[in-house]
Amino acid sequence: KSKKKFVVHKKLDGNVAILKLFPGITKNVLESVLQIPE
C-alpha cells in the first residue's frame, strides 16, 4: 500500500522452543521444558 523505506531486521532472539504435546506426556517433561534457563 505504501512506498515505505525497505528495512532489514538483523536481530533475532533464539531463546525459544517448540513442545509438541502427546498422550502420556509427564509433568517432568512439561516442567523441564518450561523451566529451560533463559
Full PDB file with SEQRES, HELIX, SHEET, SSBOND, CRYST1, ORIGX, SCALE, CONECT and MASTER records, all heavy atoms in Angstrom:
SEQRES   1 A   38  LYS SER LYS LYS LYS PHE VAL VAL HIS LYS LYS LEU ASP          
SEQRES   2 A   38  GLY ASN VAL ALA ILE LEU LYS LEU PHE PRO GLY ILE THR          
SEQRES   3 A   38  LYS ASN VAL LEU GLU SER VAL LEU GLN ILE PRO GLU              
HELIX    1 AA1 LYS A   27  LEU A   34  1                                   8    
CRYST1    1.000    1.000    1.000  90.00  90.00  90.00 P 1           1          
ORIGX1      1.000000  0.000000  0.000000        0.00000                         
ORIGX2      0.000000  1.000000  0.000000        0.00000                         
ORIGX3      0.000000  0.000000  1.000000        0.00000                         
SCALE1      1.000000  0.000000  0.000000        0.00000                         
SCALE2      0.000000  1.000000  0.000000        0.00000                         
SCALE3      0.000000  0.000000  1.000000        0.00000                         
ATOM      1  N   LYS A   1       0.803  -1.224   0.000  1.00  0.00           N  
ATOM      2  CA  LYS A   1       0.000   0.000   0.000  1.00  0.00           C  
ATOM      3  C   LYS A   1       0.835   1.273   0.000  1.00  0.00           C  
ATOM      4  O   LYS A   1       0.333   2.344  -0.296  1.00  0.00           O  
ATOM      5  CB  LYS A   1      -0.942  -0.001   1.216  1.00  0.00           C  
ATOM      6  CG  LYS A   1      -1.926  -1.154   1.229  1.00  0.00           C  
ATOM      7  CD  LYS A   1      -2.801  -1.110   2.465  1.00  0.00           C  
ATOM      8  CE  LYS A   1      -3.782  -2.282   2.486  1.00  0.00           C  
ATOM      9  NZ  LYS A   1      -4.635  -2.275   3.707  1.00  0.00           N  
ATOM     10  N   SER A   2       2.077   1.137   0.381  1.00  0.00           N  
ATOM     11  CA  SER A   2       2.879   2.349   0.509  1.00  0.00           C  
ATOM     12  C   SER A   2       4.281   2.116  -0.015  1.00  0.00           C  
ATOM     13  O   SER A   2       4.683   0.997  -0.309  1.00  0.00           O  
ATOM     14  CB  SER A   2       2.938   2.792   1.965  1.00  0.00           C  
ATOM     15  OG  SER A   2       3.619   1.823   2.742  1.00  0.00           O  
ATOM     16  N   LYS A   3       5.023   3.178  -0.123  1.00  0.00           N  
ATOM     17  CA  LYS A   3       6.416   3.124  -0.557  1.00  0.00           C  
ATOM     18  C   LYS A   3       7.352   3.377   0.628  1.00  0.00           C  
ATOM     19  O   LYS A   3       8.313   4.126   0.526  1.00  0.00           O  
ATOM     20  CB  LYS A   3       6.662   4.165  -1.660  1.00  0.00           C  
ATOM     21  CG  LYS A   3       5.966   3.850  -2.972  1.00  0.00           C  
ATOM     22  CD  LYS A   3       6.627   2.658  -3.669  1.00  0.00           C  
ATOM     23  CE  LYS A   3       6.009   2.415  -5.040  1.00  0.00           C  
ATOM     24  NZ  LYS A   3       6.634   1.265  -5.722  1.00  0.00           N  
ATOM     25  N   LYS A   4       7.023   2.750   1.753  1.00  0.00           N  
ATOM     26  CA  LYS A   4       7.867   2.924   2.916  1.00  0.00           C  
ATOM     27  C   LYS A   4       9.257   2.361   2.653  1.00  0.00           C  
ATOM     28  O   LYS A   4       9.431   1.460   1.846  1.00  0.00           O  
ATOM     29  CB  LYS A   4       7.242   2.227   4.134  1.00  0.00           C  
ATOM     30  CG  LYS A   4       5.970   2.890   4.632  1.00  0.00           C  
ATOM     31  CD  LYS A   4       5.446   2.185   5.876  1.00  0.00           C  
ATOM     32  CE  LYS A   4       4.185   2.864   6.393  1.00  0.00           C  
ATOM     33  NZ  LYS A   4       3.643   2.178   7.597  1.00  0.00           N  
ATOM     34  N   LYS A   5      10.235   2.897   3.345  1.00  0.00           N  
ATOM     35  CA  LYS A   5      11.623   2.501   3.144  1.00  0.00           C  
ATOM     36  C   LYS A   5      11.836   1.032   3.494  1.00  0.00           C  
ATOM     37  O   LYS A   5      11.342   0.538   4.501  1.00  0.00           O  
ATOM     38  CB  LYS A   5      12.537   3.381   4.000  1.00  0.00           C  
ATOM     39  CG  LYS A   5      14.015   3.104   3.787  1.00  0.00           C  
ATOM     40  CD  LYS A   5      14.874   4.012   4.652  1.00  0.00           C  
ATOM     41  CE  LYS A   5      16.353   3.692   4.453  1.00  0.00           C  
ATOM     42  NZ  LYS A   5      17.221   4.543   5.308  1.00  0.00           N  
ATOM     43  N   PHE A   6      12.574   0.360   2.636  1.00  0.00           N  
ATOM     44  CA  PHE A   6      12.936  -1.040   2.864  1.00  0.00           C  
ATOM     45  C   PHE A   6      13.855  -1.130   4.082  1.00  0.00           C  
ATOM     46  O   PHE A   6      14.859  -0.429   4.183  1.00  0.00           O  
ATOM     47  CB  PHE A   6      13.634  -1.581   1.622  1.00  0.00           C  
ATOM     48  CG  PHE A   6      14.150  -2.988   1.744  1.00  0.00           C  
ATOM     49  CD1 PHE A   6      13.290  -4.045   2.024  1.00  0.00           C  
ATOM     50  CD2 PHE A   6      15.502  -3.266   1.566  1.00  0.00           C  
ATOM     51  CE1 PHE A   6      13.764  -5.343   2.124  1.00  0.00           C  
ATOM     52  CE2 PHE A   6      15.987  -4.554   1.658  1.00  0.00           C  
ATOM     53  CZ  PHE A   6      15.113  -5.598   1.937  1.00  0.00           C  
ATOM     54  N   VAL A   7      13.478  -1.992   5.026  1.00  0.00           N  
ATOM     55  CA  VAL A   7      14.237  -2.149   6.265  1.00  0.00           C  
ATOM     56  C   VAL A   7      14.581  -3.620   6.468  1.00  0.00           C  
ATOM     57  O   VAL A   7      13.725  -4.495   6.303  1.00  0.00           O  
ATOM     58  CB  VAL A   7      13.435  -1.633   7.485  1.00  0.00           C  
ATOM     59  CG1 VAL A   7      14.235  -1.836   8.774  1.00  0.00           C  
ATOM     60  CG2 VAL A   7      13.071  -0.167   7.318  1.00  0.00           C  
ATOM     61  N   VAL A   8      15.833  -3.891   6.819  1.00  0.00           N  
ATOM     62  CA  VAL A   8      16.256  -5.257   7.100  1.00  0.00           C  
ATOM     63  C   VAL A   8      16.541  -5.402   8.583  1.00  0.00           C  
ATOM     64  O   VAL A   8      17.388  -4.689   9.131  1.00  0.00           O  
ATOM     65  CB  VAL A   8      17.515  -5.634   6.283  1.00  0.00           C  
ATOM     66  CG1 VAL A   8      17.955  -7.053   6.620  1.00  0.00           C  
ATOM     67  CG2 VAL A   8      17.235  -5.513   4.795  1.00  0.00           C  
ATOM     68  N   HIS A   9      15.807  -6.286   9.231  1.00  0.00           N  
ATOM     69  CA  HIS A   9      15.976  -6.535  10.670  1.00  0.00           C  
ATOM     70  C   HIS A   9      16.964  -7.687  10.859  1.00  0.00           C  
ATOM     71  O   HIS A   9      16.757  -8.776  10.339  1.00  0.00           O  
ATOM     72  CB  HIS A   9      14.629  -6.882  11.312  1.00  0.00           C  
ATOM     73  CG  HIS A   9      13.616  -5.785  11.211  1.00  0.00           C  
ATOM     74  ND1 HIS A   9      13.506  -4.773  12.147  1.00  0.00           N  
ATOM     75  CD2 HIS A   9      12.675  -5.532  10.268  1.00  0.00           C  
ATOM     76  CE1 HIS A   9      12.536  -3.950  11.798  1.00  0.00           C  
ATOM     77  NE2 HIS A   9      12.015  -4.382  10.659  1.00  0.00           N  
ATOM     78  N   LYS A  10      18.004  -7.435  11.620  1.00  0.00           N  
ATOM     79  CA  LYS A  10      19.066  -8.436  11.772  1.00  0.00           C  
ATOM     80  C   LYS A  10      19.203  -8.962  13.193  1.00  0.00           C  
ATOM     81  O   LYS A  10      20.097  -9.765  13.466  1.00  0.00           O  
ATOM     82  CB  LYS A  10      20.399  -7.840  11.304  1.00  0.00           C  
ATOM     83  CG  LYS A  10      20.384  -7.401   9.858  1.00  0.00           C  
ATOM     84  CD  LYS A  10      21.703  -6.770   9.449  1.00  0.00           C  
ATOM     85  CE  LYS A  10      21.634  -6.237   8.030  1.00  0.00           C  
ATOM     86  NZ  LYS A  10      22.893  -5.563   7.624  1.00  0.00           N  
ATOM     87  N   LYS A  11      18.310  -8.534  14.071  1.00  0.00           N  
ATOM     88  CA  LYS A  11      18.376  -9.012  15.447  1.00  0.00           C  
ATOM     89  C   LYS A  11      17.263 -10.023  15.695  1.00  0.00           C  
ATOM     90  O   LYS A  11      16.079  -9.681  15.695  1.00  0.00           O  
ATOM     91  CB  LYS A  11      18.260  -7.839  16.428  1.00  0.00           C  
ATOM     92  CG  LYS A  11      19.461  -6.907  16.408  1.00  0.00           C  
ATOM     93  CD  LYS A  11      19.344  -5.824  17.472  1.00  0.00           C  
ATOM     94  CE  LYS A  11      20.568  -4.917  17.473  1.00  0.00           C  
ATOM     95  NZ  LYS A  11      20.459  -3.841  18.497  1.00  0.00           N  
ATOM     96  N   LEU A  12      17.652 -11.264  15.854  1.00  0.00           N  
ATOM     97  CA  LEU A  12      16.721 -12.336  16.171  1.00  0.00           C  
ATOM     98  C   LEU A  12      17.154 -12.957  17.491  1.00  0.00           C  
ATOM     99  O   LEU A  12      18.348 -13.065  17.765  1.00  0.00           O  
ATOM    100  CB  LEU A  12      16.720 -13.408  15.075  1.00  0.00           C  
ATOM    101  CG  LEU A  12      16.317 -12.962  13.662  1.00  0.00           C  
ATOM    102  CD1 LEU A  12      16.487 -14.108  12.681  1.00  0.00           C  
ATOM    103  CD2 LEU A  12      14.893 -12.448  13.641  1.00  0.00           C  
ATOM    104  N   ASP A  13      16.192 -13.357  18.296  1.00  0.00           N  
ATOM    105  CA  ASP A  13      16.489 -13.954  19.602  1.00  0.00           C  
ATOM    106  C   ASP A  13      16.161 -15.444  19.555  1.00  0.00           C  
ATOM    107  O   ASP A  13      15.020 -15.831  19.330  1.00  0.00           O  
ATOM    108  CB  ASP A  13      15.660 -13.253  20.685  1.00  0.00           C  
ATOM    109  CG  ASP A  13      16.129 -13.582  22.094  1.00  0.00           C  
ATOM    110  OD1 ASP A  13      16.584 -14.720  22.325  1.00  0.00           O  
ATOM    111  OD2 ASP A  13      16.033 -12.701  22.976  1.00  0.00           O  
ATOM    112  N   GLY A  14      17.174 -16.260  19.773  1.00  0.00           N  
ATOM    113  CA  GLY A  14      17.000 -17.708  19.679  1.00  0.00           C  
ATOM    114  C   GLY A  14      16.580 -18.392  20.959  1.00  0.00           C  
ATOM    115  O   GLY A  14      16.545 -19.638  21.014  1.00  0.00           O  
ATOM    116  N   ASN A  15      16.200 -17.636  21.978  1.00  0.00           N  
ATOM    117  CA  ASN A  15      15.781 -18.235  23.249  1.00  0.00           C  
ATOM    118  C   ASN A  15      14.318 -18.665  23.178  1.00  0.00           C  
ATOM    119  O   ASN A  15      13.456 -18.167  23.913  1.00  0.00           O  
ATOM    120  CB  ASN A  15      15.998 -17.249  24.395  1.00  0.00           C  
ATOM    121  CG  ASN A  15      17.467 -17.046  24.695  1.00  0.00           C  
ATOM    122  OD1 ASN A  15      18.171 -17.990  25.048  1.00  0.00           O  
ATOM    123  ND2 ASN A  15      17.940 -15.818  24.539  1.00  0.00           N  
ATOM    124  N   VAL A  16      14.050 -19.581  22.273  1.00  0.00           N  
ATOM    125  CA  VAL A  16      12.696 -20.070  22.022  1.00  0.00           C  
ATOM    126  C   VAL A  16      12.735 -21.592  21.934  1.00  0.00           C  
ATOM    127  O   VAL A  16      13.802 -22.196  21.799  1.00  0.00           O  
ATOM    128  CB  VAL A  16      12.132 -19.481  20.715  1.00  0.00           C  
ATOM    129  CG1 VAL A  16      12.000 -17.970  20.814  1.00  0.00           C  
ATOM    130  CG2 VAL A  16      13.037 -19.852  19.532  1.00  0.00           C  
ATOM    131  N   ALA A  17      11.565 -22.213  21.997  1.00  0.00           N  
ATOM    132  CA  ALA A  17      11.498 -23.673  21.914  1.00  0.00           C  
ATOM    133  C   ALA A  17      10.136 -24.094  21.367  1.00  0.00           C  
ATOM    134  O   ALA A  17       9.190 -23.300  21.331  1.00  0.00           O  
ATOM    135  CB  ALA A  17      11.740 -24.314  23.281  1.00  0.00           C  
ATOM    136  N   ILE A  18      10.068 -25.344  20.928  1.00  0.00           N  
ATOM    137  CA  ILE A  18       8.825 -25.939  20.449  1.00  0.00           C  
ATOM    138  C   ILE A  18       8.549 -27.186  21.281  1.00  0.00           C  
ATOM    139  O   ILE A  18       9.439 -28.018  21.465  1.00  0.00           O  
ATOM    140  CB  ILE A  18       8.918 -26.333  18.964  1.00  0.00           C  
ATOM    141  CG1 ILE A  18       9.204 -25.115  18.099  1.00  0.00           C  
ATOM    142  CG2 ILE A  18       7.626 -27.025  18.494  1.00  0.00           C  
ATOM    143  CD1 ILE A  18       9.540 -25.460  16.644  1.00  0.00           C  
ATOM    144  N   LEU A  19       7.332 -27.320  21.786  1.00  0.00           N  
ATOM    145  CA  LEU A  19       6.936 -28.517  22.535  1.00  0.00           C  
ATOM    146  C   LEU A  19       5.673 -29.085  21.924  1.00  0.00           C  
ATOM    147  O   LEU A  19       4.641 -28.415  21.861  1.00  0.00           O  
ATOM    148  CB  LEU A  19       6.694 -28.183  24.013  1.00  0.00           C  
ATOM    149  CG  LEU A  19       6.175 -29.349  24.871  1.00  0.00           C  
ATOM    150  CD1 LEU A  19       7.163 -30.506  24.883  1.00  0.00           C  
ATOM    151  CD2 LEU A  19       5.864 -28.883  26.294  1.00  0.00           C  
ATOM    152  N   LYS A  20       5.768 -30.321  21.470  1.00  0.00           N  
ATOM    153  CA  LYS A  20       4.614 -31.000  20.889  1.00  0.00           C  
ATOM    154  C   LYS A  20       3.980 -31.878  21.948  1.00  0.00           C  
ATOM    155  O   LYS A  20       4.614 -32.790  22.483  1.00  0.00           O  
ATOM    156  CB  LYS A  20       5.056 -31.841  19.696  1.00  0.00           C  
ATOM    157  CG  LYS A  20       3.911 -32.506  18.943  1.00  0.00           C  
ATOM    158  CD  LYS A  20       4.418 -33.143  17.663  1.00  0.00           C  
ATOM    159  CE  LYS A  20       3.272 -33.686  16.810  1.00  0.00           C  
ATOM    160  NZ  LYS A  20       3.746 -34.147  15.490  1.00  0.00           N  
ATOM    161  N   LEU A  21       2.731 -31.595  22.273  1.00  0.00           N  
ATOM    162  CA  LEU A  21       2.021 -32.411  23.250  1.00  0.00           C  
ATOM    163  C   LEU A  21       1.766 -33.807  22.689  1.00  0.00           C  
ATOM    164  O   LEU A  21       1.627 -33.983  21.472  1.00  0.00           O  
ATOM    165  CB  LEU A  21       0.679 -31.762  23.611  1.00  0.00           C  
ATOM    166  CG  LEU A  21       0.727 -30.427  24.357  1.00  0.00           C  
ATOM    167  CD1 LEU A  21      -0.693 -29.935  24.631  1.00  0.00           C  
ATOM    168  CD2 LEU A  21       1.512 -30.546  25.661  1.00  0.00           C  
ATOM    169  N   PHE A  22       1.710 -34.779  23.578  1.00  0.00           N  
ATOM    170  CA  PHE A  22       1.379 -36.146  23.169  1.00  0.00           C  
ATOM    171  C   PHE A  22       0.708 -36.853  24.347  1.00  0.00           C  
ATOM    172  O   PHE A  22       0.965 -36.514  25.511  1.00  0.00           O  
ATOM    173  CB  PHE A  22       2.643 -36.910  22.733  1.00  0.00           C  
ATOM    174  CG  PHE A  22       3.711 -36.981  23.793  1.00  0.00           C  
ATOM    175  CD1 PHE A  22       3.753 -38.021  24.706  1.00  0.00           C  
ATOM    176  CD2 PHE A  22       4.674 -35.977  23.886  1.00  0.00           C  
ATOM    177  CE1 PHE A  22       4.737 -38.086  25.678  1.00  0.00           C  
ATOM    178  CE2 PHE A  22       5.661 -36.025  24.862  1.00  0.00           C  
ATOM    179  CZ  PHE A  22       5.690 -37.089  25.761  1.00  0.00           C  
ATOM    180  N   PRO A  23      -0.167 -37.788  24.064  1.00  0.00           N  
ATOM    181  CA  PRO A  23      -0.816 -38.528  25.142  1.00  0.00           C  
ATOM    182  C   PRO A  23       0.227 -39.234  26.001  1.00  0.00           C  
ATOM    183  O   PRO A  23       1.083 -39.959  25.487  1.00  0.00           O  
ATOM    184  CB  PRO A  23      -1.695 -39.541  24.399  1.00  0.00           C  
ATOM    185  CG  PRO A  23      -1.954 -38.913  23.074  1.00  0.00           C  
ATOM    186  CD  PRO A  23      -0.680 -38.192  22.731  1.00  0.00           C  
ATOM    187  N   GLY A  24       0.183 -38.992  27.301  1.00  0.00           N  
ATOM    188  CA  GLY A  24       1.149 -39.598  28.201  1.00  0.00           C  
ATOM    189  C   GLY A  24       2.300 -38.685  28.571  1.00  0.00           C  
ATOM    190  O   GLY A  24       3.214 -39.098  29.300  1.00  0.00           O  
ATOM    191  N   ILE A  25       2.290 -37.457  28.075  1.00  0.00           N  
ATOM    192  CA  ILE A  25       3.338 -36.527  28.454  1.00  0.00           C  
ATOM    193  C   ILE A  25       3.350 -36.369  29.973  1.00  0.00           C  
ATOM    194  O   ILE A  25       2.298 -36.301  30.615  1.00  0.00           O  
ATOM    195  CB  ILE A  25       3.154 -35.154  27.761  1.00  0.00           C  
ATOM    196  CG1 ILE A  25       4.380 -34.266  28.003  1.00  0.00           C  
ATOM    197  CG2 ILE A  25       1.871 -34.462  28.205  1.00  0.00           C  
ATOM    198  CD1 ILE A  25       4.379 -32.989  27.168  1.00  0.00           C  
ATOM    199  N   THR A  26       4.521 -36.352  30.566  1.00  0.00           N  
ATOM    200  CA  THR A  26       4.620 -36.320  32.025  1.00  0.00           C  
ATOM    201  C   THR A  26       4.862 -34.908  32.541  1.00  0.00           C  
ATOM    202  O   THR A  26       5.279 -34.012  31.796  1.00  0.00           O  
ATOM    203  CB  THR A  26       5.776 -37.209  32.503  1.00  0.00           C  
ATOM    204  OG1 THR A  26       7.016 -36.660  32.027  1.00  0.00           O  
ATOM    205  CG2 THR A  26       5.603 -38.643  32.002  1.00  0.00           C  
ATOM    206  N   LYS A  27       4.616 -34.771  33.817  1.00  0.00           N  
ATOM    207  CA  LYS A  27       4.830 -33.489  34.475  1.00  0.00           C  
ATOM    208  C   LYS A  27       6.293 -33.076  34.374  1.00  0.00           C  
ATOM    209  O   LYS A  27       6.612 -31.899  34.139  1.00  0.00           O  
ATOM    210  CB  LYS A  27       4.406 -33.599  35.948  1.00  0.00           C  
ATOM    211  CG  LYS A  27       4.539 -32.309  36.745  1.00  0.00           C  
ATOM    212  CD  LYS A  27       4.036 -32.502  38.165  1.00  0.00           C  
ATOM    213  CE  LYS A  27       4.150 -31.222  38.977  1.00  0.00           C  
ATOM    214  NZ  LYS A  27       3.669 -31.411  40.377  1.00  0.00           N  
ATOM    215  N   ASN A  28       7.196 -34.048  34.527  1.00  0.00           N  
ATOM    216  CA  ASN A  28       8.625 -33.740  34.458  1.00  0.00           C  
ATOM    217  C   ASN A  28       9.026 -33.200  33.092  1.00  0.00           C  
ATOM    218  O   ASN A  28       9.834 -32.268  32.994  1.00  0.00           O  
ATOM    219  CB  ASN A  28       9.456 -34.988  34.776  1.00  0.00           C  
ATOM    220  CG  ASN A  28       9.450 -35.332  36.252  1.00  0.00           C  
ATOM    221  OD1 ASN A  28       9.160 -34.467  37.088  1.00  0.00           O  
ATOM    222  ND2 ASN A  28       9.755 -36.579  36.578  1.00  0.00           N  
ATOM    223  N   VAL A  29       8.485 -33.804  32.042  1.00  0.00           N  
ATOM    224  CA  VAL A  29       8.817 -33.348  30.692  1.00  0.00           C  
ATOM    225  C   VAL A  29       8.327 -31.918  30.478  1.00  0.00           C  
ATOM    226  O   VAL A  29       9.069 -31.042  30.011  1.00  0.00           O  
ATOM    227  CB  VAL A  29       8.208 -34.283  29.630  1.00  0.00           C  
ATOM    228  CG1 VAL A  29       8.319 -33.666  28.239  1.00  0.00           C  
ATOM    229  CG2 VAL A  29       8.908 -35.630  29.655  1.00  0.00           C  
ATOM    230  N   LEU A  30       7.065 -31.664  30.810  1.00  0.00           N  
ATOM    231  CA  LEU A  30       6.488 -30.336  30.612  1.00  0.00           C  
ATOM    232  C   LEU A  30       7.253 -29.278  31.405  1.00  0.00           C  
ATOM    233  O   LEU A  30       7.650 -28.243  30.869  1.00  0.00           O  
ATOM    234  CB  LEU A  30       5.014 -30.338  31.007  1.00  0.00           C  
ATOM    235  CG  LEU A  30       4.286 -28.986  30.896  1.00  0.00           C  
ATOM    236  CD1 LEU A  30       4.297 -28.498  29.452  1.00  0.00           C  
ATOM    237  CD2 LEU A  30       2.860 -29.099  31.416  1.00  0.00           C  
ATOM    238  N   GLU A  31       7.473 -29.566  32.681  1.00  0.00           N  
ATOM    239  CA  GLU A  31       8.132 -28.576  33.530  1.00  0.00           C  
ATOM    240  C   GLU A  31       9.598 -28.388  33.149  1.00  0.00           C  
ATOM    241  O   GLU A  31      10.133 -27.281  33.269  1.00  0.00           O  
ATOM    242  CB  GLU A  31       7.996 -28.974  34.999  1.00  0.00           C  
ATOM    243  CG  GLU A  31       6.553 -28.867  35.508  1.00  0.00           C  
ATOM    244  CD  GLU A  31       6.437 -29.107  36.998  1.00  0.00           C  
ATOM    245  OE1 GLU A  31       7.412 -29.614  37.601  1.00  0.00           O  
ATOM    246  OE2 GLU A  31       5.370 -28.782  37.565  1.00  0.00           O  
ATOM    247  N   SER A  32      10.246 -29.443  32.681  1.00  0.00           N  
ATOM    248  CA  SER A  32      11.643 -29.322  32.260  1.00  0.00           C  
ATOM    249  C   SER A  32      11.784 -28.357  31.092  1.00  0.00           C  
ATOM    250  O   SER A  32      12.717 -27.547  31.036  1.00  0.00           O  
ATOM    251  CB  SER A  32      12.205 -30.687  31.866  1.00  0.00           C  
ATOM    252  OG  SER A  32      12.287 -31.543  32.979  1.00  0.00           O  
ATOM    253  N   VAL A  33      10.843 -28.425  30.160  1.00  0.00           N  
ATOM    254  CA  VAL A  33      10.880 -27.521  29.014  1.00  0.00           C  
ATOM    255  C   VAL A  33      10.544 -26.101  29.446  1.00  0.00           C  
ATOM    256  O   VAL A  33      11.228 -25.133  29.072  1.00  0.00           O  
ATOM    257  CB  VAL A  33       9.910 -27.988  27.916  1.00  0.00           C  
ATOM    258  CG1 VAL A  33       9.818 -26.956  26.793  1.00  0.00           C  
ATOM    259  CG2 VAL A  33      10.350 -29.336  27.357  1.00  0.00           C  
ATOM    260  N   LEU A  34       9.494 -25.961  30.247  1.00  0.00           N  
ATOM    261  CA  LEU A  34       9.062 -24.627  30.675  1.00  0.00           C  
ATOM    262  C   LEU A  34      10.115 -23.922  31.518  1.00  0.00           C  
ATOM    263  O   LEU A  34      10.151 -22.685  31.588  1.00  0.00           O  
ATOM    264  CB  LEU A  34       7.747 -24.723  31.454  1.00  0.00           C  
ATOM    265  CG  LEU A  34       6.521 -25.171  30.654  1.00  0.00           C  
ATOM    266  CD1 LEU A  34       5.327 -25.372  31.578  1.00  0.00           C  
ATOM    267  CD2 LEU A  34       6.184 -24.154  29.568  1.00  0.00           C  
ATOM    268  N   GLN A  35      10.983 -24.689  32.167  1.00  0.00           N  
ATOM    269  CA  GLN A  35      11.989 -24.103  33.066  1.00  0.00           C  
ATOM    270  C   GLN A  35      13.392 -24.055  32.439  1.00  0.00           C  
ATOM    271  O   GLN A  35      14.393 -23.876  33.137  1.00  0.00           O  
ATOM    272  CB  GLN A  35      12.028 -24.894  34.365  1.00  0.00           C  
ATOM    273  CG  GLN A  35      10.741 -24.757  35.180  1.00  0.00           C  
ATOM    274  CD  GLN A  35      10.689 -25.685  36.383  1.00  0.00           C  
ATOM    275  OE1 GLN A  35      11.684 -26.308  36.737  1.00  0.00           O  
ATOM    276  NE2 GLN A  35       9.517 -25.782  36.998  1.00  0.00           N  
ATOM    277  N   ILE A  36      13.467 -24.185  31.119  1.00  0.00           N  
ATOM    278  CA  ILE A  36      14.765 -24.040  30.446  1.00  0.00           C  
ATOM    279  C   ILE A  36      15.330 -22.662  30.764  1.00  0.00           C  
ATOM    280  O   ILE A  36      14.644 -21.647  30.593  1.00  0.00           O  
ATOM    281  CB  ILE A  36      14.606 -24.208  28.922  1.00  0.00           C  
ATOM    282  CG1 ILE A  36      14.213 -25.650  28.577  1.00  0.00           C  
ATOM    283  CG2 ILE A  36      15.898 -23.828  28.193  1.00  0.00           C  
ATOM    284  CD1 ILE A  36      13.881 -25.859  27.116  1.00  0.00           C  
ATOM    285  N   PRO A  37      16.579 -22.594  31.235  1.00  0.00           N  
ATOM    286  CA  PRO A  37      17.169 -21.289  31.551  1.00  0.00           C  
ATOM    287  C   PRO A  37      17.167 -20.352  30.340  1.00  0.00           C  
ATOM    288  O   PRO A  37      17.452 -20.770  29.224  1.00  0.00           O  
ATOM    289  CB  PRO A  37      18.607 -21.653  31.956  1.00  0.00           C  
ATOM    290  CG  PRO A  37      18.528 -23.070  32.420  1.00  0.00           C  
ATOM    291  CD  PRO A  37      17.483 -23.708  31.554  1.00  0.00           C  
ATOM    292  N   GLU A  38      16.808 -19.102  30.566  1.00  0.00           N  
ATOM    293  CA  GLU A  38      16.796 -18.054  29.536  1.00  0.00           C  
ATOM    294  C   GLU A  38      15.688 -18.210  28.496  1.00  0.00           C  
ATOM    295  O   GLU A  38      15.598 -17.398  27.561  1.00  0.00           O  
ATOM    296  CB  GLU A  38      18.144 -17.979  28.803  1.00  0.00           C  
ATOM    297  CG  GLU A  38      19.366 -17.827  29.691  1.00  0.00           C  
ATOM    298  CD  GLU A  38      19.309 -16.574  30.554  1.00  0.00           C  
ATOM    299  OE1 GLU A  38      18.818 -15.545  30.072  1.00  0.00           O  
ATOM    300  OE2 GLU A  38      19.739 -16.639  31.731  1.00  0.00           O  
TER     301      GLU A  38                                                      
MASTER        0    0    0    1    0    0    0    6  300    1    0    3          
END                                                                             
